[in-house]
C-alpha atoms as a PDB file:
ATOM      1  CA  MET A   1     -21.916 -30.098 108.019  1.00  0.00           C
ATOM      2  CA  ASP A   2     -24.846 -28.730 105.982  1.00  0.00           C
ATOM      3  CA  ASP A   3     -24.472 -28.545 102.257  1.00  0.00           C
ATOM      4  CA  ILE A   4     -24.055 -25.070 100.909  1.00  0.00           C
ATOM      5  CA  ASP A   5     -26.457 -24.137  97.979  1.00  0.00           C
ATOM      6  CA  LEU A   6     -24.093 -22.119  95.653  1.00  0.00           C
ATOM      7  CA  GLU A   7     -27.002 -20.902  93.679  1.00  0.00           C
ATOM      8  CA  GLN A   8     -28.473 -19.056  96.689  1.00  0.00           C
ATOM      9  CA  GLN A   9     -25.244 -17.146  97.630  1.00  0.00           C
ATOM     10  CA  GLU A  10     -24.905 -13.661  96.553  1.00  0.00           C
ATOM     11  CA  PRO A  11     -22.966 -13.176  93.285  1.00  0.00           C
ATOM     12  CA  PHE A  12     -19.608 -11.384  93.427  1.00  0.00           C
ATOM     13  CA  PRO A  13     -20.143  -7.898  92.162  1.00  0.00           C
ATOM     14  CA  LEU A  14     -18.302  -7.395  88.797  1.00  0.00           C
ATOM     15  CA  ASP A  15     -17.430  -4.260  86.914  1.00  0.00           C
ATOM     16  CA  ARG A  16     -17.933  -3.881  83.184  1.00  0.00           C
ATOM     17  CA  ASP A  17     -14.668  -5.570  82.382  1.00  0.00           C
ATOM     18  CA  GLY A  18     -15.910  -8.730  84.399  1.00  0.00           C
ATOM     19  CA  ARG A  19     -13.360  -8.060  87.197  1.00  0.00           C
ATOM     20  CA  PRO A  20     -14.479  -8.334  90.791  1.00  0.00           C
ATOM     21  CA  MET A  21     -15.149  -5.067  92.586  1.00  0.00           C
ATOM     22  CA  ARG A  22     -13.283  -4.335  95.720  1.00  0.00           C
ATOM     23  CA  SER A  23     -15.208  -4.711  99.047  1.00  0.00           C
ATOM     24  CA  GLU A  24     -14.991  -2.203 101.793  1.00  0.00           C
ATOM     25  CA  GLU A  25     -12.307  -4.250 103.561  1.00  0.00           C
ATOM     26  CA  ASP A  26     -10.118  -3.963 100.556  1.00  0.00           C
ATOM     27  CA  GLU A  27     -10.361  -0.198 100.483  1.00  0.00           C
ATOM     28  CA  PRO A  28      -6.929   1.651 101.078  1.00  0.00           C
ATOM     29  CA  ASP A  29      -6.447   3.549 104.156  1.00  0.00           C
ATOM     30  CA  GLU A  30      -7.812   7.120 103.696  1.00  0.00           C
ATOM     31  CA  ASN A  31      -4.693   8.498 105.443  1.00  0.00           C
ATOM     32  CA  ARG A  32      -2.292   6.787 103.186  1.00  0.00           C
ATOM     33  CA  LYS A  33      -0.305   9.194 101.007  1.00  0.00           C
ATOM     34  CA  MET A  34      -1.270   8.943  97.436  1.00  0.00           C
ATOM     35  CA  GLY A  35       1.370   8.536  94.668  1.00  0.00           C
ATOM     36  CA  CYS A  36       1.552  10.654  91.595  1.00  0.00           C
ATOM     37  CA  CYS A  37      -0.257   8.120  89.407  1.00  0.00           C
ATOM     38  CA  GLU A  38      -3.089   7.834  91.951  1.00  0.00           C
ATOM     39  CA  LYS A  39      -3.389  11.699  92.073  1.00  0.00           C
ATOM     40  CA  PHE A  40      -3.383  11.856  88.251  1.00  0.00           C
ATOM     41  CA  GLN A  41      -6.107   9.279  88.100  1.00  0.00           C
ATOM     42  CA  ARG A  42      -8.147  10.969  90.718  1.00  0.00           C
ATOM     43  CA  SER A  43      -7.941  14.245  88.853  1.00  0.00           C
ATOM     44  CA  ILE A  44      -9.007  12.406  85.748  1.00  0.00           C
ATOM     45  CA  SER A  45     -12.024  11.011  87.547  1.00  0.00           C
ATOM     46  CA  LYS A  46     -13.076  14.426  88.754  1.00  0.00           C
ATOM     47  CA  TRP A  47     -12.955  16.015  85.247  1.00  0.00           C
ATOM     48  CA  MET A  48     -14.551  13.117  83.372  1.00  0.00           C
ATOM     49  CA  LEU A  49     -17.054  11.347  85.701  1.00  0.00           C
ATOM     50  CA  PRO A  50     -19.954  12.270  87.985  1.00  0.00           C
ATOM     51  CA  GLU A  51     -19.288  11.650  91.672  1.00  0.00           C
ATOM     52  CA  ASN A  52     -21.224   8.397  91.781  1.00  0.00           C
ATOM     53  CA  HIS A  53     -18.925   6.719  89.349  1.00  0.00           C
ATOM     54  CA  ARG A  54     -15.510   7.963  90.579  1.00  0.00           C
ATOM     55  CA  LYS A  55     -15.067   5.327  93.313  1.00  0.00           C
ATOM     56  CA  GLY A  56     -15.625   2.501  90.755  1.00  0.00           C
ATOM     57  CA  TYR A  57     -13.133   4.096  88.398  1.00  0.00           C
ATOM     58  CA  MET A  58     -10.342   4.521  91.023  1.00  0.00           C
ATOM     59  CA  GLU A  59     -10.771   0.766  92.027  1.00  0.00           C
ATOM     60  CA  ARG A  60      -9.792  -0.306  88.489  1.00  0.00           C
ATOM     61  CA  ALA A  61      -7.825   2.666  87.247  1.00  0.00           C
ATOM     62  CA  ASN A  62      -4.568   2.045  85.502  1.00  0.00           C
ATOM     63  CA  CYS A  63      -2.640   3.088  82.391  1.00  0.00           C
ATOM     64  CA  CYS A  64      -2.486  -0.328  80.926  1.00  0.00           C
ATOM     65  CA  PRO A  65      -3.395  -0.538  78.173  1.00  0.00           C
ATOM     66  CA  PRO A  66      -2.421   3.251  77.365  1.00  0.00           C
ATOM     67  CA  PRO A  67      -4.857   5.476  75.434  1.00  0.00           C
ATOM     68  CA  ILE A  68      -3.614   3.792  72.154  1.00  0.00           C
ATOM     69  CA  PHE A  69      -6.465   4.901  69.817  1.00  0.00           C
ATOM     70  CA  ILE A  70      -6.217   8.619  70.183  1.00  0.00           C
ATOM     71  CA  ILE A  71      -2.404   8.562  70.043  1.00  0.00           C
ATOM     72  CA  LEU A  72      -2.234   6.323  67.040  1.00  0.00           C
ATOM     73  CA  ILE A  73      -4.872   8.367  65.080  1.00  0.00           C
ATOM     74  CA  SER A  74      -2.959  11.522  65.989  1.00  0.00           C
ATOM     75  CA  ILE A  75       0.285  10.161  64.771  1.00  0.00           C
ATOM     76  CA  GLY A  76      -1.369   9.060  61.660  1.00  0.00           C
ATOM     77  CA  GLU A  77      -2.755  12.455  60.985  1.00  0.00           C
ATOM     78  CA  LEU A  78       0.575  14.168  61.719  1.00  0.00           C
ATOM     79  CA  ALA A  79       2.453  11.858  59.468  1.00  0.00           C
ATOM     80  CA  VAL A  80       0.134  12.483  56.516  1.00  0.00           C
ATOM     81  CA  PHE A  81       0.336  16.269  57.068  1.00  0.00           C
ATOM     82  CA  ILE A  82       4.297  16.051  57.187  1.00  0.00           C
ATOM     83  CA  TYR A  83       4.242  14.051  53.951  1.00  0.00           C
ATOM     84  CA  TYR A  84       2.377  16.601  51.990  1.00  0.00           C
ATOM     85  CA  ALA A  85       4.128  19.513  53.713  1.00  0.00           C
ATOM     86  CA  VAL A  86       7.517  18.234  52.739  1.00  0.00           C
ATOM     87  CA  TRP A  87       6.311  17.083  49.216  1.00  0.00           C
ATOM     88  CA  LYS A  88       4.756  20.459  48.470  1.00  0.00           C
ATOM     89  CA  PRO A  89       5.454  23.074  51.143  1.00  0.00           C
ATOM     90  CA  GLN A  90       2.304  25.304  51.866  1.00  0.00           C
ATOM     91  CA  LYS A  91       2.952  29.067  51.814  1.00  0.00           C
ATOM     92  CA  GLN A  92       0.417  29.777  54.441  1.00  0.00           C
ATOM     93  CA  TRP A  93      -2.020  27.642  56.450  1.00  0.00           C
ATOM     94  CA  VAL A  94      -5.268  28.707  54.745  1.00  0.00           C
ATOM     95  CA  THR A  95      -3.848  27.939  51.242  1.00  0.00           C
ATOM     96  CA  LEU A  96      -4.845  24.497  50.152  1.00  0.00           C
ATOM     97  CA  ASP A  97      -1.993  23.394  47.958  1.00  0.00           C
ATOM     98  CA  GLU A  98      -2.403  21.349  44.677  1.00  0.00           C
ATOM     99  CA  GLY A  99      -0.882  18.303  46.499  1.00  0.00           C
ATOM    100  CA  ILE A 100      -3.611  18.169  49.040  1.00  0.00           C
ATOM    101  CA  TRP A 101      -6.407  18.335  46.349  1.00  0.00           C
ATOM    102  CA  LYS A 102      -4.795  15.486  44.485  1.00  0.00           C
ATOM    103  CA  SER A 103      -4.652  13.399  47.681  1.00  0.00           C
ATOM    104  CA  PRO A 104      -6.526  10.183  47.563  1.00  0.00           C
ATOM    105  CA  PHE A 105      -7.562  10.930  51.190  1.00  0.00           C
ATOM    106  CA  THR A 106      -9.370  14.279  50.519  1.00  0.00           C
ATOM    107  CA  TYR A 107     -13.128  14.238  50.174  1.00  0.00           C
ATOM    108  CA  LYS A 108     -14.189  15.785  46.901  1.00  0.00           C
ATOM    109  CA  PRO A 109     -17.762  15.808  45.840  1.00  0.00           C
ATOM    110  CA  GLU A 110     -17.104  14.693  42.229  1.00  0.00           C
ATOM    111  CA  GLN A 111     -15.137  11.640  43.597  1.00  0.00           C
ATOM    112  CA  ARG A 112     -17.583  10.633  46.341  1.00  0.00           C
ATOM    113  CA  GLN A 113     -18.110   7.133  44.630  1.00  0.00           C
ATOM    114  CA  GLU A 114     -14.745   6.432  46.270  1.00  0.00           C
ATOM    115  CA  ALA A 115     -16.374   5.562  49.504  1.00  0.00           C
ATOM    116  CA  TRP A 116     -13.221   5.646  51.699  1.00  0.00           C
ATOM    117  CA  ARG A 117     -12.946   9.346  51.163  1.00  0.00           C
ATOM    118  CA  PHE A 118     -15.902   9.788  53.609  1.00  0.00           C
ATOM    119  CA  ILE A 119     -13.495   8.662  56.366  1.00  0.00           C
ATOM    120  CA  SER A 120      -9.982   9.282  55.029  1.00  0.00           C
ATOM    121  CA  TYR A 121     -10.433  13.051  54.729  1.00  0.00           C
ATOM    122  CA  MET A 122      -9.750  13.245  58.413  1.00  0.00           C
ATOM    123  CA  PHE A 123      -5.953  12.559  57.785  1.00  0.00           C
ATOM    124  CA  VAL A 124      -5.507  15.566  55.443  1.00  0.00           C
ATOM    125  CA  HIS A 125      -5.181  19.078  56.963  1.00  0.00           C
ATOM    126  CA  ALA A 126      -4.939  22.508  55.323  1.00  0.00           C
ATOM    127  CA  GLY A 127      -2.021  23.878  57.206  1.00  0.00           C
ATOM    128  CA  VAL A 128       0.039  24.101  60.379  1.00  0.00           C
ATOM    129  CA  GLU A 129      -2.630  25.812  62.412  1.00  0.00           C
ATOM    130  CA  HIS A 130      -5.301  23.532  61.284  1.00  0.00           C
ATOM    131  CA  ILE A 131      -3.455  20.314  62.187  1.00  0.00           C
ATOM    132  CA  LEU A 132      -2.182  21.767  65.516  1.00  0.00           C
ATOM    133  CA  GLY A 133      -5.677  22.861  66.564  1.00  0.00           C
ATOM    134  CA  ASN A 134      -7.078  19.476  65.975  1.00  0.00           C
ATOM    135  CA  LEU A 135      -4.304  17.513  67.523  1.00  0.00           C
ATOM    136  CA  VAL A 136      -4.181  19.676  70.733  1.00  0.00           C
ATOM    137  CA  MET A 137      -7.976  19.369  71.116  1.00  0.00           C
ATOM    138  CA  GLN A 138      -8.292  15.613  70.494  1.00  0.00           C
ATOM    139  CA  LEU A 139      -5.322  14.772  72.754  1.00  0.00           C
ATOM    140  CA  LEU A 140      -6.299  17.046  75.542  1.00  0.00           C
ATOM    141  CA  LEU A 141      -9.857  15.572  75.643  1.00  0.00           C
ATOM    142  CA  GLY A 142      -9.298  12.173  73.967  1.00  0.00           C
ATOM    143  CA  ILE A 143      -6.576  10.863  76.268  1.00  0.00           C
ATOM    144  CA  PRO A 144      -8.567  11.438  79.528  1.00  0.00           C
ATOM    145  CA  LEU A 145     -11.674  10.004  77.931  1.00  0.00           C
ATOM    146  CA  GLU A 146      -9.784   6.959  76.771  1.00  0.00           C
ATOM    147  CA  LEU A 147      -8.283   6.511  80.253  1.00  0.00           C
ATOM    148  CA  VAL A 148     -11.841   6.505  81.783  1.00  0.00           C
ATOM    149  CA  HIS A 149     -13.596   4.673  78.916  1.00  0.00           C
ATOM    150  CA  LYS A 150     -12.302   2.060  76.626  1.00  0.00           C
ATOM    151  CA  GLY A 151     -10.441   2.810  73.547  1.00  0.00           C
ATOM    152  CA  PHE A 152     -13.022   1.130  71.491  1.00  0.00           C
ATOM    153  CA  GLU A 153     -15.785   3.418  72.749  1.00  0.00           C
ATOM    154  CA  VAL A 154     -13.746   6.583  72.125  1.00  0.00           C
ATOM    155  CA  GLY A 155     -12.714   5.256  68.615  1.00  0.00           C
ATOM    156  CA  MET A 156     -16.462   4.453  67.780  1.00  0.00           C
ATOM    157  CA  VAL A 157     -17.529   7.977  68.841  1.00  0.00           C
ATOM    158  CA  TYR A 158     -14.609   9.602  67.038  1.00  0.00           C
ATOM    159  CA  LEU A 159     -15.210   7.624  63.773  1.00  0.00           C
ATOM    160  CA  ALA A 160     -18.987   8.207  64.055  1.00  0.00           C
ATOM    161  CA  GLY A 161     -18.288  11.997  64.178  1.00  0.00           C
ATOM    162  CA  VAL A 162     -15.979  11.791  61.135  1.00  0.00           C
ATOM    163  CA  LEU A 163     -18.511   9.819  58.930  1.00  0.00           C
ATOM    164  CA  ALA A 164     -21.330  11.944  60.177  1.00  0.00           C
ATOM    165  CA  GLY A 165     -19.518  15.124  59.250  1.00  0.00           C
ATOM    166  CA  SER A 166     -18.715  14.120  55.708  1.00  0.00           C
ATOM    167  CA  LEU A 167     -22.343  12.700  55.110  1.00  0.00           C
ATOM    168  CA  ALA A 168     -23.893  15.773  56.469  1.00  0.00           C
ATOM    169  CA  SER A 169     -21.607  17.889  54.270  1.00  0.00           C
ATOM    170  CA  SER A 170     -22.553  15.823  51.249  1.00  0.00           C
ATOM    171  CA  ILE A 171     -26.254  16.695  51.869  1.00  0.00           C
ATOM    172  CA  PHE A 172     -26.277  20.252  53.174  1.00  0.00           C
ATOM    173  CA  ASP A 173     -23.145  21.583  51.254  1.00  0.00           C
ATOM    174  CA  PRO A 174     -22.816  19.072  48.384  1.00  0.00           C
ATOM    175  CA  LEU A 175     -20.445  21.116  46.171  1.00  0.00           C
ATOM    176  CA  SER A 176     -17.671  21.581  48.848  1.00  0.00           C
ATOM    177  CA  ALA A 177     -14.670  19.528  49.623  1.00  0.00           C
ATOM    178  CA  LEU A 178     -13.526  18.274  53.080  1.00  0.00           C
ATOM    179  CA  VAL A 179     -10.233  18.025  54.894  1.00  0.00           C
ATOM    180  CA  GLY A 180      -9.383  17.817  58.625  1.00  0.00           C
ATOM    181  CA  ALA A 181     -10.427  15.713  61.548  1.00  0.00           C
ATOM    182  CA  SER A 182     -12.883  18.241  62.970  1.00  0.00           C
ATOM    183  CA  GLY A 183     -15.727  15.854  62.725  1.00  0.00           C
ATOM    184  CA  GLY A 184     -14.058  13.370  65.017  1.00  0.00           C
ATOM    185  CA  VAL A 185     -12.824  16.141  67.300  1.00  0.00           C
ATOM    186  CA  TYR A 186     -16.271  17.711  67.567  1.00  0.00           C
ATOM    187  CA  ALA A 187     -17.753  14.316  68.393  1.00  0.00           C
ATOM    188  CA  LEU A 188     -15.594  14.022  71.465  1.00  0.00           C
ATOM    189  CA  ILE A 189     -16.414  17.588  72.401  1.00  0.00           C
ATOM    190  CA  GLY A 190     -20.181  16.986  71.968  1.00  0.00           C
ATOM    191  CA  GLY A 191     -20.119  13.849  74.050  1.00  0.00           C
ATOM    192  CA  TYR A 192     -18.247  15.317  76.839  1.00  0.00           C
ATOM    193  CA  PHE A 193     -20.262  18.534  76.837  1.00  0.00           C
ATOM    194  CA  MET A 194     -23.555  16.693  77.141  1.00  0.00           C
ATOM    195  CA  ASN A 195     -22.159  14.524  80.040  1.00  0.00           C
ATOM    196  CA  ALA A 196     -21.022  17.707  81.737  1.00  0.00           C
ATOM    197  CA  VAL A 197     -24.266  19.411  81.344  1.00  0.00           C
ATOM    198  CA  VAL A 198     -26.425  16.331  82.325  1.00  0.00           C
ATOM    199  CA  ASN A 199     -24.257  15.629  85.364  1.00  0.00           C
ATOM    200  CA  PHE A 200     -23.634  19.286  86.168  1.00  0.00           C
ATOM    201  CA  ARG A 201     -24.243  19.118  89.885  1.00  0.00           C
ATOM    202  CA  GLU A 202     -22.163  15.986  90.350  1.00  0.00           C
ATOM    203  CA  MET A 203     -19.102  17.140  88.351  1.00  0.00           C
ATOM    204  CA  ILE A 204     -17.973  19.960  90.638  1.00  0.00           C
ATOM    205  CA  PRO A 205     -20.274  22.950  89.786  1.00  0.00           C
ATOM    206  CA  LEU A 206     -17.602  25.541  89.673  1.00  0.00           C
ATOM    207  CA  LEU A 207     -15.272  23.642  87.423  1.00  0.00           C
ATOM    208  CA  GLY A 208     -18.427  22.476  85.587  1.00  0.00           C
ATOM    209  CA  VAL A 209     -19.253  26.113  84.624  1.00  0.00           C
ATOM    210  CA  PHE A 210     -15.606  26.657  83.524  1.00  0.00           C
ATOM    211  CA  ARG A 211     -15.734  23.611  81.408  1.00  0.00           C
ATOM    212  CA  ILE A 212     -18.975  24.449  79.708  1.00  0.00           C
ATOM    213  CA  LEU A 213     -17.937  27.986  79.096  1.00  0.00           C
ATOM    214  CA  ALA A 214     -14.590  26.881  77.646  1.00  0.00           C
ATOM    215  CA  ILE A 215     -16.226  24.517  75.329  1.00  0.00           C
ATOM    216  CA  VAL A 216     -18.672  27.060  74.221  1.00  0.00           C
ATOM    217  CA  VAL A 217     -15.940  29.677  73.631  1.00  0.00           C
ATOM    218  CA  ILE A 218     -13.681  27.250  71.696  1.00  0.00           C
ATOM    219  CA  VAL A 219     -16.494  25.886  69.513  1.00  0.00           C
ATOM    220  CA  GLY A 220     -17.877  29.289  68.856  1.00  0.00           C
ATOM    221  CA  VAL A 221     -14.476  30.677  67.746  1.00  0.00           C
ATOM    222  CA  ASP A 222     -13.822  27.631  65.533  1.00  0.00           C
ATOM    223  CA  PHE A 223     -17.259  27.717  64.048  1.00  0.00           C
ATOM    224  CA  GLY A 224     -16.925  31.421  63.282  1.00  0.00           C
ATOM    225  CA  PHE A 225     -13.641  30.969  61.602  1.00  0.00           C
ATOM    226  CA  ALA A 226     -14.891  28.037  59.618  1.00  0.00           C
ATOM    227  CA  PHE A 227     -17.875  30.101  58.518  1.00  0.00           C
ATOM    228  CA  TYR A 228     -15.628  32.965  57.498  1.00  0.00           C
ATOM    229  CA  ARG A 229     -13.389  30.639  55.323  1.00  0.00           C
ATOM    230  CA  ARG A 230     -16.566  29.197  53.701  1.00  0.00           C
ATOM    231  CA  PHE A 231     -18.713  32.189  52.993  1.00  0.00           C
ATOM    232  CA  VAL A 232     -16.626  35.440  53.434  1.00  0.00           C
ATOM    233  CA  SER A 233     -13.103  34.655  52.311  1.00  0.00           C
ATOM    234  CA  HIS A 234     -12.599  34.804  48.445  1.00  0.00           C
ATOM    235  CA  GLU A 235      -9.691  32.593  48.041  1.00  0.00           C
ATOM    236  CA  GLU A 236      -9.225  30.709  44.830  1.00  0.00           C
ATOM    237  CA  GLY A 237      -9.892  26.996  44.433  1.00  0.00           C
ATOM    238  CA  LEU A 238     -12.427  24.629  46.010  1.00  0.00           C
ATOM    239  CA  LYS A 239     -14.438  25.835  49.022  1.00  0.00           C
ATOM    240  CA  VAL A 240     -14.011  23.682  52.132  1.00  0.00           C
ATOM    241  CA  SER A 241     -17.269  22.982  53.969  1.00  0.00           C
ATOM    242  CA  PHE A 242     -17.831  23.658  57.565  1.00  0.00           C
ATOM    243  CA  VAL A 243     -20.884  21.388  57.934  1.00  0.00           C
ATOM    244  CA  ALA A 244     -18.665  18.470  59.198  1.00  0.00           C
ATOM    245  CA  HIS A 245     -18.415  20.524  62.489  1.00  0.00           C
ATOM    246  CA  PHE A 246     -22.176  20.297  62.811  1.00  0.00           C
ATOM    247  CA  GLY A 247     -22.313  16.586  61.896  1.00  0.00           C
ATOM    248  CA  GLY A 248     -19.638  15.782  64.383  1.00  0.00           C
ATOM    249  CA  ILE A 249     -21.073  17.682  67.259  1.00  0.00           C
ATOM    250  CA  VAL A 250     -24.566  16.256  66.726  1.00  0.00           C
ATOM    251  CA  ALA A 251     -23.021  12.648  66.571  1.00  0.00           C
ATOM    252  CA  GLY A 252     -21.129  13.449  69.759  1.00  0.00           C
ATOM    253  CA  MET A 253     -24.224  14.848  71.657  1.00  0.00           C
ATOM    254  CA  THR A 254     -26.112  11.734  70.760  1.00  0.00           C
ATOM    255  CA  ILE A 255     -23.952   8.541  70.371  1.00  0.00           C
ATOM    256  CA  GLY A 256     -21.048  10.125  72.236  1.00  0.00           C
ATOM    257  CA  TYR A 257     -23.309  11.217  75.220  1.00  0.00           C
ATOM    258  CA  VAL A 258     -24.676   7.585  75.459  1.00  0.00           C
ATOM    259  CA  PHE A 259     -21.124   5.955  75.270  1.00  0.00           C
ATOM    260  CA  PHE A 260     -19.576   8.356  77.727  1.00  0.00           C
ATOM    261  CA  SER A 261     -22.566   8.427  80.268  1.00  0.00           C
ATOM    262  CA  ALA A 262     -22.975   4.584  80.373  1.00  0.00           C
ATOM    263  CA  TYR A 263     -19.876   4.203  82.510  1.00  0.00           C
ATOM    264  CA  ASN A 264     -19.406   0.631  84.062  1.00  0.00           C
ATOM    265  CA  THR A 265     -22.739  -0.592  82.545  1.00  0.00           C
ATOM    266  CA  LYS A 266     -23.560  -2.735  79.627  1.00  0.00           C
ATOM    267  CA  LEU A 267     -24.367  -0.622  76.570  1.00  0.00           C
ATOM    268  CA  LEU A 268     -26.456  -3.366  74.860  1.00  0.00           C
ATOM    269  CA  LYS A 269     -28.861  -3.165  77.782  1.00  0.00           C
ATOM    270  CA  ASP A 270     -29.257   0.580  77.555  1.00  0.00           C
ATOM    271  CA  PRO A 271     -32.303   1.620  75.296  1.00  0.00           C
ATOM    272  CA  ARG A 272     -30.679   4.948  74.594  1.00  0.00           C
ATOM    273  CA  PHE A 273     -27.805   3.091  72.796  1.00  0.00           C
ATOM    274  CA  TRP A 274     -30.302   1.296  70.412  1.00  0.00           C
ATOM    275  CA  LEU A 275     -32.236   4.513  69.904  1.00  0.00           C
ATOM    276  CA  CYS A 276     -29.059   6.281  68.803  1.00  0.00           C
ATOM    277  CA  ILE A 277     -27.855   3.400  66.718  1.00  0.00           C
ATOM    278  CA  VAL A 278     -31.104   3.103  64.825  1.00  0.00           C
ATOM    279  CA  GLY A 279     -31.227   6.892  64.262  1.00  0.00           C
ATOM    280  CA  TYR A 280     -27.546   6.931  63.041  1.00  0.00           C
ATOM    281  CA  VAL A 281     -28.221   3.992  60.662  1.00  0.00           C
ATOM    282  CA  VAL A 282     -31.292   5.767  59.187  1.00  0.00           C
ATOM    283  CA  PHE A 283     -29.291   8.940  58.717  1.00  0.00           C
ATOM    284  CA  VAL A 284     -26.462   6.912  56.990  1.00  0.00           C
ATOM    285  CA  LEU A 285     -28.896   5.183  54.640  1.00  0.00           C
ATOM    286  CA  PHE A 286     -30.726   8.394  53.795  1.00  0.00           C
ATOM    287  CA  ALA A 287     -27.204   9.996  53.033  1.00  0.00           C
ATOM    288  CA  VAL A 288     -26.155   7.122  50.806  1.00  0.00           C
ATOM    289  CA  LEU A 289     -29.450   7.302  48.804  1.00  0.00           C
ATOM    290  CA  PHE A 290     -29.250  11.047  48.603  1.00  0.00           C
ATOM    291  CA  ASN A 291     -25.699  10.886  47.126  1.00  0.00           C
ATOM    292  CA  ILE A 292     -26.673   8.281  44.561  1.00  0.00           C
ATOM    293  CA  PHE A 293     -30.016   9.737  43.213  1.00  0.00           C
ATOM    294  CA  LEU A 294     -30.486  13.359  44.422  1.00  0.00           C
ATOM    295  CA  SER A 295     -27.158  15.004  44.877  1.00  0.00           C
ATOM    296  CA  PRO A 296     -26.522  18.095  42.610  1.00  0.00           C
ATOM    297  CA  ALA A 297     -22.819  17.231  42.489  1.00  0.00           C
ATOM    298  CA  SER A 298     -23.797  14.244  40.221  1.00  0.00           C
END
């Protein structure tokens, strides 16, 4: 019997997680009735992925591990809100109570030397409508994204949006405070929006139009209301910046797009990944230097 040269054999195709891909012989019978879980996963793939990636997703789709990051971060934000709501109940959702302003989580320009506030402000919300709006958006979009992508990737995009939001606010609206997770939510929206636009023809055009229009309407209304609260409303107390929305959505449309479009591929081999990382690091360094030497809040 001839010796078999193992190095000359075709390698087994592996997915991004290092697991062998199924061959055509392993494919299930097309006439087989799908279960509820399979139907759910198929719907997720149609909403979140272009057509050329859906088959690969369905081959390895499962709910283990569950979308733990977005669920845990939502529980944390809700828990902090309940704590402050019980401690000092708010009369109305647009009224920022004294308890919130004294929170060690809230970003305040005069306390920006406490670096954790550039991230921790995402746990504090101004009222019921504020927390519910952010939770609904991040759960509706974050859970499907985390089912398709890894929790690590969704977490990195979310936190990149939170940090970009606070840093952008410290530069372009340096005298305003920050509360809420809008930076992270907008990063998820921005990443998904770019993916839907770039892969428009492959993500069911009719639904693609609906998704893009829905995102534009939601973002437009939220931006308008944030703009109103910042510049038109004459409420007493510190003004809350809306620049975090811009910072978050820009982070999502760059870093988020790279993470969410590079499905089943190695990010480290994608030049777009390194371009975005370098750009983000340069922005962070500039923001740090600005806050140390140039900020009018000093």
